[in-house]
């Protein structure tokens, strides 16, 4: 059997992650992909009136993609690159939980999530040199144990919740709150790997070539 030759680094298409999130970067690296640039967008992420969780997460992911694509296409190095953007929303029913920035917000989220199921929606968008956006929406159901006031106070003191959708980080201490998860763990963290890799491959990005280079 003939071994496939690695793609020369100079010939490899550029890859852009439209995020400054360490979690999304780590997940992309877990899939064997190292972005050439991080181009986050500064957006107003507040939901529109009566906006459903799945509609909000799609809108934000597309908006992040648009900002990053505009920035990338304005540079010689990234003009023909591939761009990945994602957003995550936590909801109980149609109630969208905030990305907690203050203790009171996080405490309210944890009290609401305690002992019940919620849904985590993550939308991922990919565009390649042909500027043909592709997207996937991943819905994951998560159930928390019943949290005592002591557990909530201790988690709040950790500060891990800051900036996290729903006021918790499943990849950290809050992982011990999860009784059941149905769906994609990586999507809850912030980037659904199966869908992201599939979208990139569908647009012609040599994902497996990056794996060979890393070997």
C-alpha atoms as a PDB file:
ATOM      1  CA  UNK A   1       0.000   0.000   0.000  1.00  0.00           C
ATOM      2  CA  UNK A   2       1.364   3.404  -0.954  1.00  0.00           C
ATOM      3  CA  UNK A   3       1.679   5.805   1.968  1.00  0.00           C
ATOM      4  CA  UNK A   4       0.061   9.194   1.398  1.00  0.00           C
ATOM      5  CA  UNK A   5       2.615  11.977   1.470  1.00  0.00           C
ATOM      6  CA  UNK A   6       2.139  14.733   4.034  1.00  0.00           C
ATOM      7  CA  UNK A   7       0.921  18.052   2.699  1.00  0.00           C
ATOM      8  CA  UNK A   8       3.750  20.608   2.806  1.00  0.00           C
ATOM      9  CA  UNK A   9       3.112  23.249   5.470  1.00  0.00           C
ATOM     10  CA  UNK A  10       3.389  26.041   2.913  1.00  0.00           C
ATOM     11  CA  UNK A  11       0.674  24.395   0.799  1.00  0.00           C
ATOM     12  CA  UNK A  12      -1.744  23.801   3.677  1.00  0.00           C
ATOM     13  CA  UNK A  13      -4.774  26.105   3.663  1.00  0.00           C
ATOM     14  CA  UNK A  14      -4.925  28.661   6.449  1.00  0.00           C
ATOM     15  CA  UNK A  15      -7.360  28.015   9.273  1.00  0.00           C
ATOM     16  CA  UNK A  16      -9.005  30.768  11.332  1.00  0.00           C
ATOM     17  CA  UNK A  17     -10.923  30.350  14.587  1.00  0.00           C
ATOM     18  CA  UNK A  18     -13.432  33.155  15.126  1.00  0.00           C
ATOM     19  CA  UNK A  19     -13.034  33.056  18.901  1.00  0.00           C
ATOM     20  CA  UNK A  20     -10.729  34.015  21.733  1.00  0.00           C
ATOM     21  CA  UNK A  21     -12.100  31.187  23.888  1.00  0.00           C
ATOM     22  CA  UNK A  22      -9.356  28.959  25.329  1.00  0.00           C
ATOM     23  CA  UNK A  23     -11.914  26.140  25.458  1.00  0.00           C
ATOM     24  CA  UNK A  24     -12.704  26.279  21.738  1.00  0.00           C
ATOM     25  CA  UNK A  25      -9.027  26.544  20.863  1.00  0.00           C
ATOM     26  CA  UNK A  26      -8.232  23.499  23.013  1.00  0.00           C
ATOM     27  CA  UNK A  27     -11.034  21.499  21.380  1.00  0.00           C
ATOM     28  CA  UNK A  28      -9.830  22.381  17.885  1.00  0.00           C
ATOM     29  CA  UNK A  29      -6.327  21.315  18.899  1.00  0.00           C
ATOM     30  CA  UNK A  30      -7.765  18.084  20.324  1.00  0.00           C
ATOM     31  CA  UNK A  31      -9.038  17.350  16.818  1.00  0.00           C
ATOM     32  CA  UNK A  32      -5.486  17.790  15.543  1.00  0.00           C
ATOM     33  CA  UNK A  33      -6.111  21.244  14.073  1.00  0.00           C
ATOM     34  CA  UNK A  34      -3.998  24.293  14.880  1.00  0.00           C
ATOM     35  CA  UNK A  35      -5.512  27.601  13.727  1.00  0.00           C
ATOM     36  CA  UNK A  36      -3.244  30.112  12.032  1.00  0.00           C
ATOM     37  CA  UNK A  37      -5.172  33.051  13.509  1.00  0.00           C
ATOM     38  CA  UNK A  38      -7.777  33.869  16.152  1.00  0.00           C
ATOM     39  CA  UNK A  39     -10.273  36.514  15.026  1.00  0.00           C
ATOM     40  CA  UNK A  40     -12.889  37.009  17.753  1.00  0.00           C
ATOM     41  CA  UNK A  41     -15.879  39.320  17.313  1.00  0.00           C
ATOM     42  CA  UNK A  42     -17.122  41.806  19.889  1.00  0.00           C
ATOM     43  CA  UNK A  43     -20.890  41.347  19.626  1.00  0.00           C
ATOM     44  CA  UNK A  44     -23.973  42.251  21.615  1.00  0.00           C
ATOM     45  CA  UNK A  45     -25.104  38.746  22.551  1.00  0.00           C
ATOM     46  CA  UNK A  46     -28.413  39.737  24.146  1.00  0.00           C
ATOM     47  CA  UNK A  47     -31.377  37.804  22.733  1.00  0.00           C
ATOM     48  CA  UNK A  48     -33.945  39.646  20.661  1.00  0.00           C
ATOM     49  CA  UNK A  49     -37.485  39.914  21.969  1.00  0.00           C
ATOM     50  CA  UNK A  50     -39.159  36.471  21.942  1.00  0.00           C
ATOM     51  CA  UNK A  51     -36.088  34.935  20.274  1.00  0.00           C
ATOM     52  CA  UNK A  52     -35.853  31.180  20.752  1.00  0.00           C
ATOM     53  CA  UNK A  53     -32.598  29.624  22.048  1.00  0.00           C
ATOM     54  CA  UNK A  54     -31.846  27.795  18.790  1.00  0.00           C
ATOM     55  CA  UNK A  55     -32.471  30.962  16.761  1.00  0.00           C
ATOM     56  CA  UNK A  56     -30.221  33.033  19.031  1.00  0.00           C
ATOM     57  CA  UNK A  57     -27.308  30.603  18.890  1.00  0.00           C
ATOM     58  CA  UNK A  58     -27.511  30.359  15.110  1.00  0.00           C
ATOM     59  CA  UNK A  59     -27.662  34.133  14.729  1.00  0.00           C
ATOM     60  CA  UNK A  60     -24.649  34.699  16.970  1.00  0.00           C
ATOM     61  CA  UNK A  61     -22.550  31.981  15.317  1.00  0.00           C
ATOM     62  CA  UNK A  62     -23.297  33.448  11.880  1.00  0.00           C
ATOM     63  CA  UNK A  63     -22.499  36.975  13.085  1.00  0.00           C
ATOM     64  CA  UNK A  64     -19.152  35.806  14.480  1.00  0.00           C
ATOM     65  CA  UNK A  65     -18.430  34.073  11.182  1.00  0.00           C
ATOM     66  CA  UNK A  66     -19.267  37.196   9.176  1.00  0.00           C
ATOM     67  CA  UNK A  67     -16.956  39.404  11.258  1.00  0.00           C
ATOM     68  CA  UNK A  68     -14.064  36.937  11.053  1.00  0.00           C
ATOM     69  CA  UNK A  69     -14.509  36.321   7.321  1.00  0.00           C
ATOM     70  CA  UNK A  70     -14.480  40.061   6.623  1.00  0.00           C
ATOM     71  CA  UNK A  71     -11.260  40.436   8.628  1.00  0.00           C
ATOM     72  CA  UNK A  72      -9.617  37.382   7.052  1.00  0.00           C
ATOM     73  CA  UNK A  73     -10.512  38.315   3.473  1.00  0.00           C
ATOM     74  CA  UNK A  74      -8.894  41.696   4.055  1.00  0.00           C
ATOM     75  CA  UNK A  75      -5.443  40.131   4.510  1.00  0.00           C
ATOM     76  CA  UNK A  76      -3.221  38.508   1.919  1.00  0.00           C
ATOM     77  CA  UNK A  77      -2.231  35.638   4.212  1.00  0.00           C
ATOM     78  CA  UNK A  78      -5.763  34.581   5.219  1.00  0.00           C
ATOM     79  CA  UNK A  79      -7.723  35.548   2.111  1.00  0.00           C
ATOM     80  CA  UNK A  80      -8.136  31.958   0.916  1.00  0.00           C
ATOM     81  CA  UNK A  81      -8.409  30.499   4.397  1.00  0.00           C
ATOM     82  CA  UNK A  82     -11.092  28.487   6.173  1.00  0.00           C
ATOM     83  CA  UNK A  83     -12.980  30.085   9.065  1.00  0.00           C
ATOM     84  CA  UNK A  84     -14.693  28.315  11.987  1.00  0.00           C
ATOM     85  CA  UNK A  85     -17.149  30.117  14.273  1.00  0.00           C
ATOM     86  CA  UNK A  86     -19.364  28.821  17.080  1.00  0.00           C
ATOM     87  CA  UNK A  87     -21.661  29.943  19.841  1.00  0.00           C
ATOM     88  CA  UNK A  88     -23.257  28.179  22.798  1.00  0.00           C
ATOM     89  CA  UNK A  89     -26.531  28.913  24.584  1.00  0.00           C
ATOM     90  CA  UNK A  90     -27.943  27.234  27.697  1.00  0.00           C
ATOM     91  CA  UNK A  91     -31.714  27.175  28.141  1.00  0.00           C
ATOM     92  CA  UNK A  92     -34.398  25.825  30.449  1.00  0.00           C
ATOM     93  CA  UNK A  93     -37.422  25.503  28.231  1.00  0.00           C
ATOM     94  CA  UNK A  94     -37.466  28.719  26.210  1.00  0.00           C
ATOM     95  CA  UNK A  95     -35.729  30.662  28.957  1.00  0.00           C
ATOM     96  CA  UNK A  96     -32.216  31.605  27.847  1.00  0.00           C
ATOM     97  CA  UNK A  97     -29.642  31.708  30.635  1.00  0.00           C
ATOM     98  CA  UNK A  98     -26.979  34.427  30.553  1.00  0.00           C
ATOM     99  CA  UNK A  99     -23.237  34.085  30.178  1.00  0.00           C
ATOM    100  CA  UNK A 100     -22.759  34.944  33.815  1.00  0.00           C
ATOM    101  CA  UNK A 101     -20.463  37.860  34.597  1.00  0.00           C
ATOM    102  CA  UNK A 102     -21.470  38.614  38.202  1.00  0.00           C
ATOM    103  CA  UNK A 103     -22.018  36.323  41.182  1.00  0.00           C
ATOM    104  CA  UNK A 104     -25.756  36.967  41.433  1.00  0.00           C
ATOM    105  CA  UNK A 105     -26.260  35.883  37.803  1.00  0.00           C
ATOM    106  CA  UNK A 106     -24.289  32.683  38.298  1.00  0.00           C
ATOM    107  CA  UNK A 107     -26.101  31.896  41.567  1.00  0.00           C
ATOM    108  CA  UNK A 108     -29.494  32.329  39.912  1.00  0.00           C
ATOM    109  CA  UNK A 109     -28.437  30.022  37.057  1.00  0.00           C
ATOM    110  CA  UNK A 110     -27.216  27.300  39.416  1.00  0.00           C
ATOM    111  CA  UNK A 111     -30.362  27.439  41.547  1.00  0.00           C
ATOM    112  CA  UNK A 112     -32.476  27.124  38.401  1.00  0.00           C
ATOM    113  CA  UNK A 113     -30.425  24.211  37.017  1.00  0.00           C
ATOM    114  CA  UNK A 114     -30.282  22.343  40.334  1.00  0.00           C
ATOM    115  CA  UNK A 115     -32.007  18.964  40.178  1.00  0.00           C
ATOM    116  CA  UNK A 116     -33.434  19.428  36.707  1.00  0.00           C
ATOM    117  CA  UNK A 117     -32.692  18.969  33.027  1.00  0.00           C
ATOM    118  CA  UNK A 118     -31.690  21.724  30.640  1.00  0.00           C
ATOM    119  CA  UNK A 119     -30.610  21.994  27.029  1.00  0.00           C
ATOM    120  CA  UNK A 120     -27.358  23.263  25.587  1.00  0.00           C
ATOM    121  CA  UNK A 121     -27.448  24.523  22.005  1.00  0.00           C
ATOM    122  CA  UNK A 122     -24.214  24.982  20.064  1.00  0.00           C
ATOM    123  CA  UNK A 123     -24.132  26.252  16.503  1.00  0.00           C
ATOM    124  CA  UNK A 124     -20.958  25.884  14.438  1.00  0.00           C
ATOM    125  CA  UNK A 125     -20.400  27.622  11.100  1.00  0.00           C
ATOM    126  CA  UNK A 126     -17.623  26.998   8.584  1.00  0.00           C
ATOM    127  CA  UNK A 127     -16.711  28.813   5.398  1.00  0.00           C
ATOM    128  CA  UNK A 128     -13.948  28.034   2.907  1.00  0.00           C
ATOM    129  CA  UNK A 129     -12.339  29.849  -0.004  1.00  0.00           C
ATOM    130  CA  UNK A 130     -15.574  29.604  -2.019  1.00  0.00           C
ATOM    131  CA  UNK A 131     -17.367  31.728   0.629  1.00  0.00           C
ATOM    132  CA  UNK A 132     -20.149  29.171   0.922  1.00  0.00           C
ATOM    133  CA  UNK A 133     -21.181  29.074   4.614  1.00  0.00           C
ATOM    134  CA  UNK A 134     -22.166  25.728   6.098  1.00  0.00           C
ATOM    135  CA  UNK A 135     -23.558  25.238   9.590  1.00  0.00           C
ATOM    136  CA  UNK A 136     -24.767  22.659  12.080  1.00  0.00           C
ATOM    137  CA  UNK A 137     -26.825  23.046  15.229  1.00  0.00           C
ATOM    138  CA  UNK A 138     -26.187  20.564  18.031  1.00  0.00           C
ATOM    139  CA  UNK A 139     -28.652  20.129  20.891  1.00  0.00           C
ATOM    140  CA  UNK A 140     -27.533  18.354  24.068  1.00  0.00           C
ATOM    141  CA  UNK A 141     -29.630  17.504  27.110  1.00  0.00           C
ATOM    142  CA  UNK A 142     -27.933  17.781  30.484  1.00  0.00           C
ATOM    143  CA  UNK A 143     -29.320  16.961  33.928  1.00  0.00           C
ATOM    144  CA  UNK A 144     -27.803  18.313  37.142  1.00  0.00           C
ATOM    145  CA  UNK A 145     -27.934  16.731  40.572  1.00  0.00           C
ATOM    146  CA  UNK A 146     -29.770  18.655  43.256  1.00  0.00           C
ATOM    147  CA  UNK A 147     -27.279  21.217  44.482  1.00  0.00           C
ATOM    148  CA  UNK A 148     -27.067  22.209  48.133  1.00  0.00           C
ATOM    149  CA  UNK A 149     -26.545  25.823  49.139  1.00  0.00           C
ATOM    150  CA  UNK A 150     -23.095  24.803  50.303  1.00  0.00           C
ATOM    151  CA  UNK A 151     -22.196  23.383  46.897  1.00  0.00           C
ATOM    152  CA  UNK A 152     -23.468  26.464  45.103  1.00  0.00           C
ATOM    153  CA  UNK A 153     -21.508  28.780  47.409  1.00  0.00           C
ATOM    154  CA  UNK A 154     -18.335  26.743  46.946  1.00  0.00           C
ATOM    155  CA  UNK A 155     -18.696  26.757  43.171  1.00  0.00           C
ATOM    156  CA  UNK A 156     -19.320  30.487  43.121  1.00  0.00           C
ATOM    157  CA  UNK A 157     -16.175  30.995  45.199  1.00  0.00           C
ATOM    158  CA  UNK A 158     -14.149  29.100  42.580  1.00  0.00           C
ATOM    159  CA  UNK A 159     -14.854  31.753  39.950  1.00  0.00           C
ATOM    160  CA  UNK A 160     -14.989  29.063  37.273  1.00  0.00           C
ATOM    161  CA  UNK A 161     -18.469  30.189  36.203  1.00  0.00           C
ATOM    162  CA  UNK A 162     -17.396  33.630  35.004  1.00  0.00           C
ATOM    163  CA  UNK A 163     -18.261  34.221  31.347  1.00  0.00           C
ATOM    164  CA  UNK A 164     -19.756  30.742  30.934  1.00  0.00           C
ATOM    165  CA  UNK A 165     -23.147  30.110  29.361  1.00  0.00           C
ATOM    166  CA  UNK A 166     -25.554  29.062  32.101  1.00  0.00           C
ATOM    167  CA  UNK A 167     -23.020  29.966  34.789  1.00  0.00           C
ATOM    168  CA  UNK A 168     -21.034  26.728  34.723  1.00  0.00           C
ATOM    169  CA  UNK A 169     -18.167  24.953  32.959  1.00  0.00           C
ATOM    170  CA  UNK A 170     -18.824  21.261  32.391  1.00  0.00           C
ATOM    171  CA  UNK A 171     -15.137  20.592  31.701  1.00  0.00           C
ATOM    172  CA  UNK A 172     -14.224  21.864  35.169  1.00  0.00           C
ATOM    173  CA  UNK A 173     -15.573  21.494  38.689  1.00  0.00           C
ATOM    174  CA  UNK A 174     -19.167  21.593  37.471  1.00  0.00           C
ATOM    175  CA  UNK A 175     -18.626  18.278  35.728  1.00  0.00           C
ATOM    176  CA  UNK A 176     -19.337  16.721  39.133  1.00  0.00           C
ATOM    177  CA  UNK A 177     -22.881  18.177  39.008  1.00  0.00           C
ATOM    178  CA  UNK A 178     -23.856  16.263  35.866  1.00  0.00           C
ATOM    179  CA  UNK A 179     -26.052  13.215  36.431  1.00  0.00           C
ATOM    180  CA  UNK A 180     -26.828  12.580  32.767  1.00  0.00           C
ATOM    181  CA  UNK A 181     -25.808  13.940  29.359  1.00  0.00           C
ATOM    182  CA  UNK A 182     -27.454  13.011  26.068  1.00  0.00           C
ATOM    183  CA  UNK A 183     -25.755  14.482  23.025  1.00  0.00           C
ATOM    184  CA  UNK A 184     -22.320  15.984  22.475  1.00  0.00           C
ATOM    185  CA  UNK A 185     -19.983  16.670  25.394  1.00  0.00           C
ATOM    186  CA  UNK A 186     -17.650  18.754  23.225  1.00  0.00           C
ATOM    187  CA  UNK A 187     -20.624  20.866  22.110  1.00  0.00           C
ATOM    188  CA  UNK A 188     -21.413  21.682  25.738  1.00  0.00           C
ATOM    189  CA  UNK A 189     -17.789  22.730  26.242  1.00  0.00           C
ATOM    190  CA  UNK A 190     -18.118  25.005  23.212  1.00  0.00           C
ATOM    191  CA  UNK A 191     -17.276  23.271  19.905  1.00  0.00           C
ATOM    192  CA  UNK A 192     -18.883  20.045  18.610  1.00  0.00           C
ATOM    193  CA  UNK A 193     -15.907  18.176  17.186  1.00  0.00           C
ATOM    194  CA  UNK A 194     -17.745  15.630  15.038  1.00  0.00           C
ATOM    195  CA  UNK A 195     -19.749  18.332  13.287  1.00  0.00           C
ATOM    196  CA  UNK A 196     -16.829  20.761  12.995  1.00  0.00           C
ATOM    197  CA  UNK A 197     -14.530  18.214  11.375  1.00  0.00           C
ATOM    198  CA  UNK A 198     -17.341  17.104   9.066  1.00  0.00           C
ATOM    199  CA  UNK A 199     -18.040  20.665   7.917  1.00  0.00           C
ATOM    200  CA  UNK A 200     -14.349  21.362   7.281  1.00  0.00           C
ATOM    201  CA  UNK A 201     -13.919  18.156   5.306  1.00  0.00           C
ATOM    202  CA  UNK A 202     -17.064  18.937   3.334  1.00  0.00           C
ATOM    203  CA  UNK A 203     -15.499  22.228   2.277  1.00  0.00           C
ATOM    204  CA  UNK A 204     -12.265  20.521   1.278  1.00  0.00           C
ATOM    205  CA  UNK A 205     -10.030  21.236   4.267  1.00  0.00           C
ATOM    206  CA  UNK A 206      -7.402  18.446   4.640  1.00  0.00           C
ATOM    207  CA  UNK A 207      -8.175  17.449   8.227  1.00  0.00           C
ATOM    208  CA  UNK A 208      -6.470  14.059   8.018  1.00  0.00           C
ATOM    209  CA  UNK A 209      -3.387  15.678   6.502  1.00  0.00           C
ATOM    210  CA  UNK A 210      -2.996  17.733   9.659  1.00  0.00           C
ATOM    211  CA  UNK A 211      -3.149  14.486  11.650  1.00  0.00           C
ATOM    212  CA  UNK A 212      -0.326  12.982   9.613  1.00  0.00           C
ATOM    213  CA  UNK A 213       1.795  16.091  10.075  1.00  0.00           C
ATOM    214  CA  UNK A 214       1.299  15.878  13.835  1.00  0.00           C
ATOM    215  CA  UNK A 215       2.377  12.223  13.984  1.00  0.00           C
END
